[in-house]
Amino acid sequence: MKQGLLINVEKCVGCGGCVMACKRHNGTGRGVYWCNVITKEEGTYPNVRKVMLPVGCQHCENAPCVRACPTGASHYDEEGNVQVDFDKCIGCRMCMGACPYHARSFNWGSTVDNPHYEGQPPTAYDEACAERHPVGVVEKCTRCVDLTRAGKVPACVQTCPAEARVFGDLDDPDSEISRKINDLHAKCLMEEYGTKPSVYYVGLE
């Protein structure tokens, strides 16, 4: 099984629900977003429109971050996702420089603060989450491995009100994600880099 994600940009309303669902589920520090939505305006007045591009780790099959890691901390799991072993990470940040998608962040220790409200003490939940984020290591989207191995979908997929995200098995040609990739002519970001991402997009121009 090779897990993948399909994002329909044409359906995305830019609500940021995926961003906050990811942040709350993973308990990342203030200013750290494993899932994000880039927005921009196109056109000239009065014909202006807002364009959204949800981004995050692309969980590449040919991941530059894995090749650049000197310790093996960045590795592939059994579902084909790219993960980081905190016990092996030495904080050199070579992987961050190698990733063309800027999907990684370094934990400088901000997770001990309240991840949502500056100047406020962390809640008990925040403190519990901080234990999962060692200081001095590189972090990134895990594709909610705790949820997916329990038969659920990632938090960002669960919360999307527009149903712009589809998660599934890329190795199964009859899966919903495989069918939609083919039927909707989905593409990957920066295909020319040869990274072979497992995140596909519908509506990229």
Protein backbone atom coordinates (compact mmCIF):
# COMPACT_ATOMS: atom_id res chain seq x y z
CA MET A 1 0.00 0.00 0.00
CA LYS A 2 1.25 3.45 -0.92
CA GLN A 3 -0.69 6.27 0.68
CA GLY A 4 -1.48 9.43 -1.24
CA LEU A 5 -3.44 12.65 -1.03
CA LEU A 6 -5.47 14.44 -3.69
CA ILE A 7 -6.26 18.14 -3.24
CA ASN A 8 -8.83 19.81 -5.46
CA VAL A 9 -7.78 23.45 -5.63
CA GLU A 10 -11.03 24.31 -7.41
CA LYS A 11 -13.00 23.19 -4.34
CA CYS A 12 -10.74 24.78 -1.71
CA VAL A 13 -12.40 27.83 -0.12
CA GLY A 14 -9.35 28.92 1.86
CA CYS A 15 -11.08 28.54 5.24
CA GLY A 16 -7.92 27.30 6.96
CA GLY A 17 -9.76 24.44 8.64
CA CYS A 18 -7.11 21.98 7.51
CA VAL A 19 -4.38 24.20 8.92
CA MET A 20 -5.90 24.40 12.38
CA ALA A 21 -6.98 20.75 12.45
CA CYS A 22 -3.40 19.74 11.73
CA LYS A 23 -2.06 22.13 14.34
CA ARG A 24 -4.45 21.00 17.04
CA HIS A 25 -4.04 17.30 16.36
CA ASN A 26 -0.24 17.44 16.25
CA GLY A 27 0.26 20.15 18.86
CA THR A 28 2.94 22.04 16.94
CA GLY A 29 4.50 25.20 18.35
CA ARG A 30 3.50 28.77 17.64
CA GLY A 31 4.35 29.74 14.08
CA VAL A 32 4.88 26.10 13.01
CA TYR A 33 2.47 24.83 10.39
CA TRP A 34 2.89 21.39 8.84
CA CYS A 35 -0.17 22.15 6.72
CA ASN A 36 -0.68 25.55 5.16
CA VAL A 37 -2.73 27.38 2.54
CA ILE A 38 -1.04 29.92 0.32
CA THR A 39 -3.41 32.59 -0.98
CA LYS A 40 -2.99 35.23 -3.66
CA GLU A 41 -5.13 37.50 -5.77
CA GLU A 42 -5.18 37.33 -9.53
CA GLY A 43 -6.55 39.75 -12.10
CA THR A 44 -7.27 43.47 -12.04
CA TYR A 45 -10.23 45.32 -10.60
CA PRO A 46 -13.10 44.63 -11.01
CA ASN A 47 -12.21 41.15 -12.31
CA VAL A 48 -10.26 39.88 -9.34
CA ARG A 49 -10.29 36.42 -7.82
CA LYS A 50 -8.63 34.78 -4.86
CA VAL A 51 -6.56 31.67 -5.53
CA MET A 52 -5.75 29.11 -2.83
CA LEU A 53 -2.95 26.54 -2.85
CA PRO A 54 -2.89 24.10 0.10
CA VAL A 55 0.67 22.94 0.71
CA GLY A 56 2.63 20.68 3.03
CA CYS A 57 5.01 17.75 2.87
CA GLN A 58 4.62 16.00 -0.47
CA HIS A 59 5.84 12.64 0.91
CA CYS A 60 7.93 12.12 -2.20
CA GLU A 61 8.90 8.71 -3.51
CA ASN A 62 12.29 10.15 -4.51
CA ALA A 63 12.64 12.52 -1.56
CA PRO A 64 15.66 14.87 -1.57
CA CYS A 65 15.37 15.20 2.21
CA VAL A 66 15.91 11.46 2.69
CA ARG A 67 18.95 11.49 0.42
CA ALA A 68 20.42 14.53 2.19
CA CYS A 69 20.01 13.22 5.74
CA PRO A 70 23.42 12.05 7.05
CA THR A 71 22.05 9.90 9.89
CA GLY A 72 19.05 8.12 8.36
CA ALA A 73 16.65 10.11 10.54
CA SER A 74 14.61 10.99 7.45
CA HIS A 75 13.27 7.73 6.10
CA TYR A 76 10.32 6.02 4.40
CA ASP A 77 7.76 4.15 6.46
CA GLU A 78 5.91 1.02 5.31
CA GLU A 79 3.18 3.10 3.67
CA GLY A 80 5.69 5.04 1.57
CA ASN A 81 5.47 8.22 3.66
CA VAL A 82 8.53 10.22 4.67
CA GLN A 83 9.05 10.33 8.42
CA VAL A 84 11.65 11.72 10.84
CA ASP A 85 13.17 9.63 13.62
CA PHE A 86 13.81 12.17 16.38
CA ASP A 87 16.26 9.81 18.09
CA LYS A 88 18.50 9.89 15.02
CA CYS A 89 18.04 13.56 14.10
CA ILE A 90 21.07 15.68 14.99
CA GLY A 91 19.48 18.97 13.96
CA CYS A 92 21.86 19.68 11.09
CA ARG A 93 18.93 20.85 8.92
CA MET A 94 20.43 19.44 5.72
CA CYS A 95 16.99 18.06 4.91
CA MET A 96 15.44 21.51 5.18
CA GLY A 97 17.86 22.85 2.60
CA ALA A 98 17.20 19.90 0.30
CA CYS A 99 13.38 20.09 0.35
CA PRO A 100 12.13 22.14 -2.63
CA TYR A 101 8.69 22.44 -1.01
CA HIS A 102 9.89 24.10 2.23
CA ALA A 103 7.81 21.58 4.15
CA ARG A 104 10.06 21.20 7.20
CA SER A 105 10.62 23.26 10.31
CA PHE A 106 13.19 23.21 13.09
CA ASN A 107 12.02 23.01 16.68
CA TRP A 108 13.78 25.84 18.49
CA GLY A 109 11.72 25.18 21.60
CA SER A 110 8.62 27.28 20.90
CA THR A 111 6.37 24.29 21.58
CA VAL A 112 6.57 24.90 25.33
CA ASP A 113 4.61 28.13 24.77
CA ASN A 114 0.90 28.27 24.06
CA PRO A 115 0.79 27.35 20.35
CA HIS A 116 -2.17 29.62 19.63
CA TYR A 117 -2.13 32.69 21.87
CA GLU A 118 1.03 34.66 22.50
CA GLY A 119 1.47 35.72 26.10
CA GLN A 120 -0.83 33.01 27.43
CA PRO A 121 0.43 29.98 29.35
CA PRO A 122 0.14 26.59 27.69
CA THR A 123 -2.84 24.42 28.51
CA ALA A 124 -2.45 20.91 29.91
CA TYR A 125 -3.04 19.62 26.38
CA ASP A 126 -0.31 21.89 25.02
CA GLU A 127 2.13 20.62 27.62
CA ALA A 128 1.28 17.02 26.77
CA CYS A 129 1.83 17.75 23.07
CA ALA A 130 5.19 19.39 23.81
CA GLU A 131 6.47 16.05 25.06
CA ARG A 132 6.07 14.72 21.51
CA HIS A 133 8.23 17.54 20.07
CA PRO A 134 11.84 17.33 21.24
CA VAL A 135 13.80 20.58 21.00
CA GLY A 136 16.61 20.68 18.44
CA VAL A 137 15.15 18.42 15.78
CA VAL A 138 13.48 18.88 12.41
CA GLU A 139 9.75 18.26 12.16
CA LYS A 140 7.22 17.85 9.37
CA CYS A 141 3.86 16.38 8.45
CA THR A 142 3.62 12.73 9.48
CA ARG A 143 0.43 12.26 7.46
CA CYS A 144 -1.24 11.58 10.83
CA VAL A 145 0.25 8.11 11.05
CA ASP A 146 -1.49 7.56 14.38
CA LEU A 147 -4.86 8.06 12.70
CA THR A 148 -4.23 6.28 9.41
CA ARG A 149 -2.91 3.13 11.06
CA ALA A 150 -6.13 3.07 13.07
CA GLY A 151 -8.12 3.05 9.84
CA LYS A 152 -8.95 6.75 9.83
CA VAL A 153 -7.94 9.61 7.53
CA PRO A 154 -5.56 12.49 8.36
CA ALA A 155 -6.91 15.38 10.42
CA CYS A 156 -6.75 17.79 7.47
CA VAL A 157 -8.92 15.46 5.40
CA GLN A 158 -11.40 14.90 8.23
CA THR A 159 -12.04 18.60 8.75
CA CYS A 160 -12.25 19.93 5.16
CA PRO A 161 -15.82 21.29 4.79
CA ALA A 162 -15.53 21.53 1.01
CA GLU A 163 -14.37 17.91 0.67
CA ALA A 164 -11.42 19.19 -1.32
CA ARG A 165 -9.12 16.45 0.04
CA VAL A 166 -9.14 12.74 -0.73
CA PHE A 167 -6.83 10.28 1.04
CA GLY A 168 -6.25 6.72 -0.07
CA ASP A 169 -4.19 3.94 -1.58
CA LEU A 170 -2.32 4.88 -4.74
CA ASP A 171 -1.46 1.23 -5.41
CA ASP A 172 -5.14 0.34 -5.75
CA PRO A 173 -6.37 1.39 -9.21
CA ASP A 174 -9.97 1.12 -8.01
CA SER A 175 -9.53 3.38 -4.97
CA GLU A 176 -11.30 6.73 -4.97
CA ILE A 177 -8.04 8.64 -5.07
CA SER A 178 -6.64 6.64 -8.00
CA ARG A 179 -9.82 7.06 -9.99
CA LYS A 180 -9.96 10.81 -9.38
CA ILE A 181 -6.30 11.29 -10.25
CA ASN A 182 -7.01 9.71 -13.63
CA ASP A 183 -10.45 11.17 -14.27
CA LEU A 184 -9.57 14.71 -13.20
CA HIS A 185 -6.06 14.74 -14.74
CA ALA A 186 -4.40 15.58 -11.43
CA LYS A 187 -0.83 16.84 -11.37
CA CYS A 188 1.95 17.11 -8.81
CA LEU A 189 3.81 20.24 -7.74
CA MET A 190 7.18 20.79 -9.39
CA GLU A 191 7.07 17.54 -11.33
CA GLU A 192 10.17 18.64 -13.19
CA TYR A 193 12.23 18.10 -10.01
CA GLY A 194 11.78 14.35 -10.28
CA THR A 195 10.82 13.98 -6.62
CA LYS A 196 7.71 11.92 -7.43
CA PRO A 197 5.35 13.41 -4.83
CA SER A 198 2.41 11.40 -3.49
CA VAL A 199 0.29 14.55 -3.24
CA TYR A 200 -1.74 15.31 -6.36
CA TYR A 201 -3.59 18.49 -7.28
CA VAL A 202 -6.66 19.20 -9.38
CA GLY A 203 -6.98 22.69 -10.81
CA LEU A 204 -3.33 23.72 -10.97
CA GLU A 205 -2.69 26.20 -13.74
